[in-house]
Amino acid sequence: MAYGSATQGAPAEPAITAIEDSILTVWPWEYASRLMAAHEQWAQLGRRIAETIYRRKERREMQLLTLTAAERLRLAEVEFGSLIVRLSRSDLASYLGVTPESLSRIRRGKAATRHE
């Protein structure tokens, strides 16, 4: 979710691609804003969503700054579980912040380490 863009009425810059069939509910920000202003329960939900987004972005930023690509791959394998095999090589590489070629090298290095 591009929370900042939504609150400013600007189009979201990042593209989101579903890797499986999905059903989405999309609400205009103005509608969600009115609900949150009129009902405390919606305001609480809005705060929880914003907090969750912030925590995820903060964790992701720290991973990109402090971990190697191989360490980020290990974390992604745990976080995504069996879903990771359904990601394209380019999507996974993009998520890890590396090129698809670098991802292949990391995987080869991991496989070689397992066989030693």
PDB file of N, CA and C in Angstrom:
ATOM      1  N   MET A   1       0.849  -1.179   0.000  1.00  0.00           N
ATOM      2  CA  MET A   1       0.000   0.000   0.000  1.00  0.00           C
ATOM      3  C   MET A   1       0.888   1.233   0.000  1.00  0.00           C
ATOM      4  N   ALA A   2       0.592   2.168  -0.838  1.00  0.00           N
ATOM      5  CA  ALA A   2       1.325   3.424  -0.896  1.00  0.00           C
ATOM      6  C   ALA A   2       0.582   4.434  -0.027  1.00  0.00           C
ATOM      7  N   TYR A   3       0.786   4.321   1.267  1.00  0.00           N
ATOM      8  CA  TYR A   3       0.037   5.123   2.236  1.00  0.00           C
ATOM      9  C   TYR A   3       0.262   6.617   2.035  1.00  0.00           C
ATOM     10  N   GLY A   4       1.524   7.000   1.856  1.00  0.00           N
ATOM     11  CA  GLY A   4       1.829   8.414   1.664  1.00  0.00           C
ATOM     12  C   GLY A   4       1.142   8.988   0.443  1.00  0.00           C
ATOM     13  N   SER A   5       1.168   8.249  -0.639  1.00  0.00           N
ATOM     14  CA  SER A   5       0.499   8.703  -1.861  1.00  0.00           C
ATOM     15  C   SER A   5      -1.002   8.833  -1.630  1.00  0.00           C
ATOM     16  N   ALA A   6      -1.573   7.854  -0.959  1.00  0.00           N
ATOM     17  CA  ALA A   6      -3.018   7.878  -0.710  1.00  0.00           C
ATOM     18  C   ALA A   6      -3.418   9.096   0.105  1.00  0.00           C
ATOM     19  N   THR A   7      -2.666   9.399   1.161  1.00  0.00           N
ATOM     20  CA  THR A   7      -3.035  10.518   2.022  1.00  0.00           C
ATOM     21  C   THR A   7      -2.856  11.863   1.328  1.00  0.00           C
ATOM     22  N   GLN A   8      -2.018  11.892   0.288  1.00  0.00           N
ATOM     23  CA  GLN A   8      -1.798  13.140  -0.440  1.00  0.00           C
ATOM     24  C   GLN A   8      -2.612  13.214  -1.730  1.00  0.00           C
ATOM     25  N   GLY A   9      -3.401  12.182  -2.002  1.00  0.00           N
ATOM     26  CA  GLY A   9      -4.220  12.175  -3.201  1.00  0.00           C
ATOM     27  C   GLY A   9      -3.414  12.007  -4.476  1.00  0.00           C
ATOM     28  N   ALA A  10      -2.229  11.434  -4.349  1.00  0.00           N
ATOM     29  CA  ALA A  10      -1.357  11.228  -5.516  1.00  0.00           C
ATOM     30  C   ALA A  10      -1.394   9.763  -5.928  1.00  0.00           C
ATOM     31  N   PRO A  11      -1.140   9.491  -7.202  1.00  0.00           N
ATOM     32  CA  PRO A  11      -1.088   8.095  -7.639  1.00  0.00           C
ATOM     33  C   PRO A  11       0.084   7.370  -6.977  1.00  0.00           C
ATOM     34  N   ALA A  12      -0.105   6.105  -6.699  1.00  0.00           N
ATOM     35  CA  ALA A  12       0.958   5.297  -6.106  1.00  0.00           C
ATOM     36  C   ALA A  12       2.006   5.008  -7.166  1.00  0.00           C
ATOM     37  N   GLU A  13       3.269   5.167  -6.813  1.00  0.00           N
ATOM     38  CA  GLU A  13       4.340   4.903  -7.767  1.00  0.00           C
ATOM     39  C   GLU A  13       4.681   3.425  -7.900  1.00  0.00           C
ATOM     40  N   PRO A  14       4.767   2.686  -6.791  1.00  0.00           N
ATOM     41  CA  PRO A  14       5.152   1.282  -6.970  1.00  0.00           C
ATOM     42  C   PRO A  14       4.022   0.484  -7.607  1.00  0.00           C
ATOM     43  N   ALA A  15       4.409  -0.395  -8.502  1.00  0.00           N
ATOM     44  CA  ALA A  15       3.433  -1.286  -9.116  1.00  0.00           C
ATOM     45  C   ALA A  15       3.340  -2.549  -8.278  1.00  0.00           C
ATOM     46  N   ILE A  16       2.155  -3.030  -8.091  1.00  0.00           N
ATOM     47  CA  ILE A  16       1.947  -4.252  -7.330  1.00  0.00           C
ATOM     48  C   ILE A  16       1.390  -5.288  -8.293  1.00  0.00           C
ATOM     49  N   THR A  17       2.025  -6.438  -8.320  1.00  0.00           N
ATOM     50  CA  THR A  17       1.601  -7.512  -9.209  1.00  0.00           C
ATOM     51  C   THR A  17       1.199  -8.713  -8.377  1.00  0.00           C
ATOM     52  N   ALA A  18       0.024  -9.252  -8.633  1.00  0.00           N
ATOM     53  CA  ALA A  18      -0.409 -10.464  -7.954  1.00  0.00           C
ATOM     54  C   ALA A  18       0.186 -11.661  -8.689  1.00  0.00           C
ATOM     55  N   ILE A  19       0.772 -12.591  -7.953  1.00  0.00           N
ATOM     56  CA  ILE A  19       1.341 -13.773  -8.597  1.00  0.00           C
ATOM     57  C   ILE A  19       0.330 -14.908  -8.672  1.00  0.00           C
ATOM     58  N   GLU A  20      -0.810 -14.711  -8.045  1.00  0.00           N
ATOM     59  CA  GLU A  20      -1.899 -15.684  -8.101  1.00  0.00           C
ATOM     60  C   GLU A  20      -3.204 -14.933  -8.276  1.00  0.00           C
ATOM     61  N   ASP A  21      -4.245 -15.635  -8.698  1.00  0.00           N
ATOM     62  CA  ASP A  21      -5.549 -15.014  -8.792  1.00  0.00           C
ATOM     63  C   ASP A  21      -5.903 -14.401  -7.449  1.00  0.00           C
ATOM     64  N   SER A  22      -6.417 -13.190  -7.472  1.00  0.00           N
ATOM     65  CA  SER A  22      -6.699 -12.466  -6.233  1.00  0.00           C
ATOM     66  C   SER A  22      -8.008 -11.707  -6.364  1.00  0.00           C
ATOM     67  N   ILE A  23      -8.607 -11.465  -5.231  1.00  0.00           N
ATOM     68  CA  ILE A  23      -9.780 -10.602  -5.163  1.00  0.00           C
ATOM     69  C   ILE A  23      -9.378  -9.416  -4.303  1.00  0.00           C
ATOM     70  N   LEU A  24      -9.501  -8.225  -4.845  1.00  0.00           N
ATOM     71  CA  LEU A  24      -9.106  -7.018  -4.141  1.00  0.00           C
ATOM     72  C   LEU A  24     -10.313  -6.147  -3.865  1.00  0.00           C
ATOM     73  N   THR A  25     -10.236  -5.438  -2.765  1.00  0.00           N
ATOM     74  CA  THR A  25     -11.205  -4.403  -2.468  1.00  0.00           C
ATOM     75  C   THR A  25     -10.439  -3.090  -2.468  1.00  0.00           C
ATOM     76  N   VAL A  26     -10.870  -2.166  -3.290  1.00  0.00           N
ATOM     77  CA  VAL A  26     -10.178  -0.890  -3.405  1.00  0.00           C
ATOM     78  C   VAL A  26     -11.159   0.212  -3.031  1.00  0.00           C
ATOM     79  N   TRP A  27     -10.735   1.029  -2.062  1.00  0.00           N
ATOM     80  CA  TRP A  27     -11.564   2.143  -1.634  1.00  0.00           C
ATOM     81  C   TRP A  27     -10.841   3.438  -1.945  1.00  0.00           C
ATOM     82  N   PRO A  28     -11.542   4.417  -2.465  1.00  0.00           N
ATOM     83  CA  PRO A  28     -10.913   5.734  -2.625  1.00  0.00           C
ATOM     84  C   PRO A  28     -10.519   6.278  -1.243  1.00  0.00           C
ATOM     85  N   TRP A  29      -9.398   6.950  -1.165  1.00  0.00           N
ATOM     86  CA  TRP A  29      -8.904   7.476   0.111  1.00  0.00           C
ATOM     87  C   TRP A  29      -9.942   8.383   0.769  1.00  0.00           C
ATOM     88  N   GLU A  30     -10.643   9.182  -0.027  1.00  0.00           N
ATOM     89  CA  GLU A  30     -11.633  10.105   0.537  1.00  0.00           C
ATOM     90  C   GLU A  30     -12.707   9.329   1.310  1.00  0.00           C
ATOM     91  N   TYR A  31     -13.125   8.194   0.761  1.00  0.00           N
ATOM     92  CA  TYR A  31     -14.147   7.377   1.422  1.00  0.00           C
ATOM     93  C   TYR A  31     -13.603   6.811   2.733  1.00  0.00           C
ATOM     94  N   ALA A  32     -12.411   6.248   2.694  1.00  0.00           N
ATOM     95  CA  ALA A  32     -11.803   5.691   3.908  1.00  0.00           C
ATOM     96  C   ALA A  32     -11.604   6.783   4.943  1.00  0.00           C
ATOM     97  N   SER A  33     -11.192   7.952   4.510  1.00  0.00           N
ATOM     98  CA  SER A  33     -10.985   9.086   5.420  1.00  0.00           C
ATOM     99  C   SER A  33     -12.279   9.479   6.122  1.00  0.00           C
ATOM    100  N   ARG A  34     -13.347   9.524   5.358  1.00  0.00           N
ATOM    101  CA  ARG A  34     -14.648   9.869   5.959  1.00  0.00           C
ATOM    102  C   ARG A  34     -15.063   8.833   6.993  1.00  0.00           C
ATOM    103  N   LEU A  35     -14.864   7.555   6.683  1.00  0.00           N
ATOM    104  CA  LEU A  35     -15.200   6.498   7.640  1.00  0.00           C
ATOM    105  C   LEU A  35     -14.393   6.656   8.927  1.00  0.00           C
ATOM    106  N   MET A  36     -13.079   6.916   8.770  1.00  0.00           N
ATOM    107  CA  MET A  36     -12.218   7.049   9.956  1.00  0.00           C
ATOM    108  C   MET A  36     -12.583   8.275  10.781  1.00  0.00           C
ATOM    109  N   ALA A  37     -13.023   9.337  10.120  1.00  0.00           N
ATOM    110  CA  ALA A  37     -13.416  10.549  10.843  1.00  0.00           C
ATOM    111  C   ALA A  37     -14.742  10.359  11.582  1.00  0.00           C
ATOM    112  N   ALA A  38     -15.615   9.538  11.032  1.00  0.00           N
ATOM    113  CA  ALA A  38     -16.953   9.385  11.598  1.00  0.00           C
ATOM    114  C   ALA A  38     -17.069   8.267  12.624  1.00  0.00           C
ATOM    115  N   HIS A  39     -16.161   7.288  12.593  1.00  0.00           N
ATOM    116  CA  HIS A  39     -16.301   6.113  13.461  1.00  0.00           C
ATOM    117  C   HIS A  39     -14.958   5.755  14.089  1.00  0.00           C
ATOM    118  N   GLU A  40     -14.920   5.718  15.383  1.00  0.00           N
ATOM    119  CA  GLU A  40     -13.679   5.431  16.105  1.00  0.00           C
ATOM    120  C   GLU A  40     -13.098   4.067  15.741  1.00  0.00           C
ATOM    121  N   GLN A  41     -13.961   3.072  15.511  1.00  0.00           N
ATOM    122  CA  GLN A  41     -13.457   1.749  15.151  1.00  0.00           C
ATOM    123  C   GLN A  41     -12.680   1.791  13.829  1.00  0.00           C
ATOM    124  N   TRP A  42     -13.176   2.544  12.861  1.00  0.00           N
ATOM    125  CA  TRP A  42     -12.471   2.685  11.584  1.00  0.00           C
ATOM    126  C   TRP A  42     -11.169   3.466  11.783  1.00  0.00           C
ATOM    127  N   ALA A  43     -11.207   4.462  12.659  1.00  0.00           N
ATOM    128  CA  ALA A  43      -9.986   5.232  12.945  1.00  0.00           C
ATOM    129  C   ALA A  43      -8.928   4.324  13.573  1.00  0.00           C
ATOM    130  N   GLN A  44      -9.344   3.456  14.491  1.00  0.00           N
ATOM    131  CA  GLN A  44      -8.404   2.505  15.105  1.00  0.00           C
ATOM    132  C   GLN A  44      -7.829   1.553  14.054  1.00  0.00           C
ATOM    133  N   LEU A  45      -8.690   1.059  13.171  1.00  0.00           N
ATOM    134  CA  LEU A  45      -8.215   0.173  12.118  1.00  0.00           C
ATOM    135  C   LEU A  45      -7.222   0.902  11.204  1.00  0.00           C
ATOM    136  N   GLY A  46      -7.541   2.135  10.850  1.00  0.00           N
ATOM    137  CA  GLY A  46      -6.643   2.930  10.010  1.00  0.00           C
ATOM    138  C   GLY A  46      -5.283   3.116  10.669  1.00  0.00           C
ATOM    139  N   ARG A  47      -5.276   3.388  11.987  1.00  0.00           N
ATOM    140  CA  ARG A  47      -4.004   3.533  12.716  1.00  0.00           C
ATOM    141  C   ARG A  47      -3.230   2.230  12.732  1.00  0.00           C
ATOM    142  N   ARG A  48      -3.920   1.129  12.956  1.00  0.00           N
ATOM    143  CA  ARG A  48      -3.239  -0.182  12.963  1.00  0.00           C
ATOM    144  C   ARG A  48      -2.628  -0.504  11.612  1.00  0.00           C
ATOM    145  N   ILE A  49      -3.362  -0.206  10.554  1.00  0.00           N
ATOM    146  CA  ILE A  49      -2.839  -0.446   9.209  1.00  0.00           C
ATOM    147  C   ILE A  49      -1.610   0.425   8.971  1.00  0.00           C
ATOM    148  N   ALA A  50      -1.697   1.705   9.318  1.00  0.00           N
ATOM    149  CA  ALA A  50      -0.557   2.611   9.126  1.00  0.00           C
ATOM    150  C   ALA A  50       0.646   2.140   9.937  1.00  0.00           C
ATOM    151  N   GLU A  51       0.416   1.698  11.176  1.00  0.00           N
ATOM    152  CA  GLU A  51       1.517   1.208  12.021  1.00  0.00           C
ATOM    153  C   GLU A  51       2.150  -0.045  11.419  1.00  0.00           C
ATOM    154  N   THR A  52       1.323  -0.946  10.906  1.00  0.00           N
ATOM    155  CA  THR A  52       1.834  -2.172  10.292  1.00  0.00           C
ATOM    156  C   THR A  52       2.676  -1.848   9.067  1.00  0.00           C
ATOM    157  N   ILE A  53       2.186  -0.946   8.239  1.00  0.00           N
ATOM    158  CA  ILE A  53       2.936  -0.540   7.050  1.00  0.00           C
ATOM    159  C   ILE A  53       4.276   0.063   7.466  1.00  0.00           C
ATOM    160  N   TYR A  54       4.251   0.936   8.463  1.00  0.00           N
ATOM    161  CA  TYR A  54       5.486   1.583   8.915  1.00  0.00           C
ATOM    162  C   TYR A  54       6.490   0.552   9.435  1.00  0.00           C
ATOM    163  N   ARG A  55       6.021  -0.391  10.264  1.00  0.00           N
ATOM    164  CA  ARG A  55       6.923  -1.412  10.807  1.00  0.00           C
ATOM    165  C   ARG A  55       7.532  -2.268   9.698  1.00  0.00           C
ATOM    166  N   ARG A  56       6.721  -2.652   8.729  1.00  0.00           N
ATOM    167  CA  ARG A  56       7.228  -3.465   7.615  1.00  0.00           C
ATOM    168  C   ARG A  56       8.275  -2.707   6.813  1.00  0.00           C
ATOM    169  N   LYS A  57       7.989  -1.438   6.528  1.00  0.00           N
ATOM    170  CA  LYS A  57       8.941  -0.637   5.764  1.00  0.00           C
ATOM    171  C   LYS A  57      10.230  -0.429   6.554  1.00  0.00           C
ATOM    172  N   GLU A  58      10.117  -0.202   7.836  1.00  0.00           N
ATOM    173  CA  GLU A  58      11.295  -0.012   8.678  1.00  0.00           C
ATOM    174  C   GLU A  58      12.138  -1.295   8.722  1.00  0.00           C
ATOM    175  N   ARG A  59      11.488  -2.434   8.898  1.00  0.00           N
ATOM    176  CA  ARG A  59      12.202  -3.717   8.934  1.00  0.00           C
ATOM    177  C   ARG A  59      12.878  -3.985   7.596  1.00  0.00           C
ATOM    178  N   ARG A  60      12.165  -3.732   6.523  1.00  0.00           N
ATOM    179  CA  ARG A  60      12.719  -3.957   5.180  1.00  0.00           C
ATOM    180  C   ARG A  60      13.926  -3.056   4.929  1.00  0.00           C
ATOM    181  N   GLU A  61      13.821  -1.803   5.310  1.00  0.00           N
ATOM    182  CA  GLU A  61      14.929  -0.868   5.143  1.00  0.00           C
ATOM    183  C   GLU A  61      16.156  -1.329   5.926  1.00  0.00           C
ATOM    184  N   MET A  62      15.955  -1.777   7.151  1.00  0.00           N
ATOM    185  CA  MET A  62      17.083  -2.266   7.957  1.00  0.00           C
ATOM    186  C   MET A  62      17.711  -3.500   7.328  1.00  0.00           C
ATOM    187  N   GLN A  63      16.899  -4.384   6.786  1.00  0.00           N
ATOM    188  CA  GLN A  63      17.436  -5.577   6.122  1.00  0.00           C
ATOM    189  C   GLN A  63      18.288  -5.179   4.917  1.00  0.00           C
ATOM    190  N   LEU A  64      17.792  -4.236   4.122  1.00  0.00           N
ATOM    191  CA  LEU A  64      18.536  -3.813   2.946  1.00  0.00           C
ATOM    192  C   LEU A  64      19.845  -3.117   3.320  1.00  0.00           C
ATOM    193  N   LEU A  65      19.847  -2.438   4.462  1.00  0.00           N
ATOM    194  CA  LEU A  65      21.047  -1.708   4.888  1.00  0.00           C
ATOM    195  C   LEU A  65      22.058  -2.577   5.627  1.00  0.00           C
ATOM    196  N   THR A  66      21.591  -3.596   6.321  1.00  0.00           N
ATOM    197  CA  THR A  66      22.488  -4.312   7.236  1.00  0.00           C
ATOM    198  C   THR A  66      22.780  -5.762   6.864  1.00  0.00           C
ATOM    199  N   LEU A  67      21.987  -6.354   5.996  1.00  0.00           N
ATOM    200  CA  LEU A  67      22.173  -7.766   5.674  1.00  0.00           C
ATOM    201  C   LEU A  67      22.740  -7.948   4.273  1.00  0.00           C
ATOM    202  N   THR A  68      23.438  -9.035   4.085  1.00  0.00           N
ATOM    203  CA  THR A  68      23.895  -9.377   2.740  1.00  0.00           C
ATOM    204  C   THR A  68      22.706  -9.908   1.945  1.00  0.00           C
ATOM    205  N   ALA A  69      22.870  -9.971   0.639  1.00  0.00           N
ATOM    206  CA  ALA A  69      21.806 -10.502  -0.209  1.00  0.00           C
ATOM    207  C   ALA A  69      21.490 -11.955   0.151  1.00  0.00           C
ATOM    208  N   ALA A  70      22.524 -12.723   0.484  1.00  0.00           N
ATOM    209  CA  ALA A  70      22.312 -14.126   0.867  1.00  0.00           C
ATOM    210  C   ALA A  70      21.502 -14.206   2.160  1.00  0.00           C
ATOM    211  N   GLU A  71      21.772 -13.325   3.095  1.00  0.00           N
ATOM    212  CA  GLU A  71      21.002 -13.304   4.349  1.00  0.00           C
ATOM    213  C   GLU A  71      19.564 -12.879   4.087  1.00  0.00           C
ATOM    214  N   ARG A  72      19.378 -11.904   3.198  1.00  0.00           N
ATOM    215  CA  ARG A  72      18.014 -11.482   2.848  1.00  0.00           C
ATOM    216  C   ARG A  72      17.261 -12.610   2.162  1.00  0.00           C
ATOM    217  N   LEU A  73      17.960 -13.397   1.346  1.00  0.00           N
ATOM    218  CA  LEU A  73      17.327 -14.547   0.694  1.00  0.00           C
ATOM    219  C   LEU A  73      16.878 -15.565   1.735  1.00  0.00           C
ATOM    220  N   ARG A  74      17.716 -15.852   2.702  1.00  0.00           N
ATOM    221  CA  ARG A  74      17.331 -16.805   3.765  1.00  0.00           C
ATOM    222  C   ARG A  74      16.099 -16.311   4.518  1.00  0.00           C
ATOM    223  N   LEU A  75      16.065 -15.031   4.837  1.00  0.00           N
ATOM    224  CA  LEU A  75      14.891 -14.477   5.523  1.00  0.00           C
ATOM    225  C   LEU A  75      13.643 -14.566   4.646  1.00  0.00           C
ATOM    226  N   ALA A  76      13.790 -14.279   3.367  1.00  0.00           N
ATOM    227  CA  ALA A  76      12.644 -14.347   2.450  1.00  0.00           C
ATOM    228  C   ALA A  76      12.119 -15.773   2.357  1.00  0.00           C
ATOM    229  N   GLU A  77      13.025 -16.746   2.349  1.00  0.00           N
ATOM    230  CA  GLU A  77      12.597 -18.144   2.288  1.00  0.00           C
ATOM    231  C   GLU A  77      11.769 -18.521   3.508  1.00  0.00           C
ATOM    232  N   VAL A  78      12.146 -17.992   4.664  1.00  0.00           N
ATOM    233  CA  VAL A  78      11.386 -18.257   5.890  1.00  0.00           C
ATOM    234  C   VAL A  78      10.062 -17.497   5.854  1.00  0.00           C
ATOM    235  N   GLU A  79      10.124 -16.226   5.491  1.00  0.00           N
ATOM    236  CA  GLU A  79       8.931 -15.382   5.503  1.00  0.00           C
ATOM    237  C   GLU A  79       7.880 -15.838   4.486  1.00  0.00           C
ATOM    238  N   PHE A  80       8.321 -16.189   3.282  1.00  0.00           N
ATOM    239  CA  PHE A  80       7.383 -16.547   2.227  1.00  0.00           C
ATOM    240  C   PHE A  80       7.081 -18.031   2.156  1.00  0.00           C
ATOM    241  N   GLY A  81       7.899 -18.859   2.778  1.00  0.00           N
ATOM    242  CA  GLY A  81       7.662 -20.294   2.781  1.00  0.00           C
ATOM    243  C   GLY A  81       7.538 -20.858   1.380  1.00  0.00           C
ATOM    244  N   SER A  82       6.525 -21.682   1.172  1.00  0.00           N
ATOM    245  CA  SER A  82       6.361 -22.352  -0.126  1.00  0.00           C
ATOM    246  C   SER A  82       6.003 -21.379  -1.245  1.00  0.00           C
ATOM    247  N   LEU A  83       5.557 -20.191  -0.920  1.00  0.00           N
ATOM    248  CA  LEU A  83       5.222 -19.187  -1.931  1.00  0.00           C
ATOM    249  C   LEU A  83       6.453 -18.784  -2.740  1.00  0.00           C
ATOM    250  N   ILE A  84       7.628 -18.855  -2.143  1.00  0.00           N
ATOM    251  CA  ILE A  84       8.835 -18.363  -2.804  1.00  0.00           C
ATOM    252  C   ILE A  84       9.112 -19.085  -4.121  1.00  0.00           C
ATOM    253  N   VAL A  85       8.737 -20.342  -4.228  1.00  0.00           N
ATOM    254  CA  VAL A  85       8.997 -21.075  -5.478  1.00  0.00           C
ATOM    255  C   VAL A  85       8.087 -20.608  -6.607  1.00  0.00           C
ATOM    256  N   ARG A  86       7.024 -19.893  -6.277  1.00  0.00           N
ATOM    257  CA  ARG A  86       6.114 -19.395  -7.302  1.00  0.00           C
ATOM    258  C   ARG A  86       6.484 -17.991  -7.776  1.00  0.00           C
ATOM    259  N   LEU A  87       7.480 -17.390  -7.139  1.00  0.00           N
ATOM    260  CA  LEU A  87       7.944 -16.069  -7.571  1.00  0.00           C
ATOM    261  C   LEU A  87       8.883 -16.223  -8.760  1.00  0.00           C
ATOM    262  N   SER A  88       8.785 -15.332  -9.699  1.00  0.00           N
ATOM    263  CA  SER A  88       9.736 -15.361 -10.810  1.00  0.00           C
ATOM    264  C   SER A  88      11.110 -14.964 -10.285  1.00  0.00           C
ATOM    265  N   ARG A  89      12.125 -15.376 -11.001  1.00  0.00           N
ATOM    266  CA  ARG A  89      13.496 -15.043 -10.603  1.00  0.00           C
ATOM    267  C   ARG A  89      13.671 -13.528 -10.548  1.00  0.00           C
ATOM    268  N   SER A  90      13.115 -12.818 -11.525  1.00  0.00           N
ATOM    269  CA  SER A  90      13.276 -11.361 -11.547  1.00  0.00           C
ATOM    270  C   SER A  90      12.510 -10.690 -10.407  1.00  0.00           C
ATOM    271  N   ASP A  91      11.330 -11.197 -10.052  1.00  0.00           N
ATOM    272  CA  ASP A  91      10.583 -10.622  -8.924  1.00  0.00           C
ATOM    273  C   ASP A  91      11.316 -10.853  -7.608  1.00  0.00           C
ATOM    274  N   LEU A  92      11.836 -12.061  -7.409  1.00  0.00           N
ATOM    275  CA  LEU A  92      12.569 -12.351  -6.179  1.00  0.00           C
ATOM    276  C   LEU A  92      13.842 -11.517  -6.117  1.00  0.00           C
ATOM    277  N   ALA A  93      14.553 -11.411  -7.224  1.00  0.00           N
ATOM    278  CA  ALA A  93      15.780 -10.610  -7.256  1.00  0.00           C
ATOM    279  C   ALA A  93      15.460  -9.154  -6.919  1.00  0.00           C
ATOM    280  N   SER A  94      14.398  -8.634  -7.489  1.00  0.00           N
ATOM    281  CA  SER A  94      13.994  -7.255  -7.217  1.00  0.00           C
ATOM    282  C   SER A  94      13.692  -7.069  -5.731  1.00  0.00           C
ATOM    283  N   TYR A  95      12.965  -8.002  -5.141  1.00  0.00           N
ATOM    284  CA  TYR A  95      12.647  -7.935  -3.721  1.00  0.00           C
ATOM    285  C   TYR A  95      13.913  -7.922  -2.872  1.00  0.00           C
ATOM    286  N   LEU A  96      14.905  -8.710  -3.280  1.00  0.00           N
ATOM    287  CA  LEU A  96      16.157  -8.800  -2.522  1.00  0.00           C
ATOM    288  C   LEU A  96      17.087  -7.619  -2.796  1.00  0.00           C
ATOM    289  N   GLY A  97      16.795  -6.851  -3.832  1.00  0.00           N
ATOM    290  CA  GLY A  97      17.640  -5.714  -4.169  1.00  0.00           C
ATOM    291  C   GLY A  97      18.883  -6.107  -4.945  1.00  0.00           C
ATOM    292  N   VAL A  98      18.783  -7.176  -5.734  1.00  0.00           N
ATOM    293  CA  VAL A  98      19.908  -7.646  -6.547  1.00  0.00           C
ATOM    294  C   VAL A  98      19.427  -7.891  -7.973  1.00  0.00           C
ATOM    295  N   THR A  99      20.359  -8.127  -8.869  1.00  0.00           N
ATOM    296  CA  THR A  99      19.996  -8.486 -10.239  1.00  0.00           C
ATOM    297  C   THR A  99      19.652  -9.975 -10.287  1.00  0.00           C
ATOM    298  N   PRO A 100      18.898 -10.405 -11.292  1.00  0.00           N
ATOM    299  CA  PRO A 100      18.620 -11.835 -11.429  1.00  0.00           C
ATOM    300  C   PRO A 100      19.904 -12.668 -11.529  1.00  0.00           C
ATOM    301  N   GLU A 101      20.940 -12.119 -12.169  1.00  0.00           N
ATOM    302  CA  GLU A 101      22.213 -12.837 -12.283  1.00  0.00           C
ATOM    303  C   GLU A 101      22.861 -13.011 -10.907  1.00  0.00           C
ATOM    304  N   SER A 102      22.803 -11.966 -10.098  1.00  0.00           N
ATOM    305  CA  SER A 102      23.354 -12.069  -8.735  1.00  0.00           C
ATOM    306  C   SER A 102      22.583 -13.093  -7.907  1.00  0.00           C
ATOM    307  N   LEU A 103      21.269 -13.127  -8.075  1.00  0.00           N
ATOM    308  CA  LEU A 103      20.455 -14.117  -7.370  1.00  0.00           C
ATOM    309  C   LEU A 103      20.894 -15.525  -7.756  1.00  0.00           C
ATOM    310  N   SER A 104      21.138 -15.754  -9.033  1.00  0.00           N
ATOM    311  CA  SER A 104      21.604 -17.075  -9.482  1.00  0.00           C
ATOM    312  C   SER A 104      22.937 -17.427  -8.825  1.00  0.00           C
ATOM    313  N   ARG A 105      23.850 -16.465  -8.722  1.00  0.00           N
ATOM    314  CA  ARG A 105      25.145 -16.722  -8.066  1.00  0.00           C
ATOM    315  C   ARG A 105      24.951 -17.053  -6.591  1.00  0.00           C
ATOM    316  N   ILE A 106      24.067 -16.324  -5.935  1.00  0.00           N
ATOM    317  CA  ILE A 106      23.807 -16.578  -4.511  1.00  0.00           C
ATOM    318  C   ILE A 106      23.248 -17.989  -4.334  1.00  0.00           C
ATOM    319  N   ARG A 107      22.312 -18.354  -5.180  1.00  0.00           N
ATOM    320  CA  ARG A 107      21.720 -19.692  -5.086  1.00  0.00           C
ATOM    321  C   ARG A 107      22.744 -20.778  -5.367  1.00  0.00           C
ATOM    322  N   ARG A 108      23.612 -20.561  -6.357  1.00  0.00           N
ATOM    323  CA  ARG A 108      24.669 -21.543  -6.650  1.00  0.00           C
ATOM    324  C   ARG A 108      25.601 -21.681  -5.447  1.00  0.00           C
ATOM    325  N   GLY A 109      25.957 -20.572  -4.843  1.00  0.00           N
ATOM    326  CA  GLY A 109      26.822 -20.601  -3.662  1.00  0.00           C
ATOM    327  C   GLY A 109      26.168 -21.324  -2.499  1.00  0.00           C
ATOM    328  N   LYS A 110      24.874 -21.113  -2.344  1.00  0.00           N
ATOM    329  CA  LYS A 110      24.120 -21.794  -1.288  1.00  0.00           C
ATOM    330  C   LYS A 110      24.078 -23.295  -1.539  1.00  0.00           C
ATOM    331  N   ALA A 111      23.844 -23.679  -2.787  1.00  0.00           N
ATOM    332  CA  ALA A 111      23.776 -25.101  -3.135  1.00  0.00           C
ATOM    333  C   ALA A 111      25.129 -25.759  -2.921  1.00  0.00           C
ATOM    334  N   ALA A 112      26.203 -25.068  -3.276  1.00  0.00           N
ATOM    335  CA  ALA A 112      27.547 -25.634  -3.095  1.00  0.00           C
ATOM    336  C   ALA A 112      27.848 -25.811  -1.616  1.00  0.00           C
ATOM    337  N   THR A 113      27.409 -24.882  -0.789  1.00  0.00           N
ATOM    338  CA  THR A 113      27.627 -24.970   0.653  1.00  0.00           C
ATOM    339  C   THR A 113      26.880 -26.150   1.243  1.00  0.00           C
ATOM    340  N   ARG A 114      25.690 -26.426   0.743  1.00  0.00           N
ATOM    341  CA  ARG A 114      24.902 -27.561   1.247  1.00  0.00           C
ATOM    342  C   ARG A 114      25.557 -28.899   0.929  1.00  0.00           C
ATOM    343  N   HIS A 115      26.267 -28.983  -0.187  1.00  0.00           N
ATOM    344  CA  HIS A 115      26.846 -30.251  -0.623  1.00  0.00           C
ATOM    345  C   HIS A 115      28.226 -30.511  -0.010  1.00  0.00           C
ATOM    346  N   GLU A 116      28.774 -29.548   0.692  1.00  0.00           N
ATOM    347  CA  GLU A 116      30.116 -29.735   1.273  1.00  0.00           C
ATOM    348  C   GLU A 116      30.063 -30.553   2.541  1.00  0.00           C
TER     349      GLU A 116
END
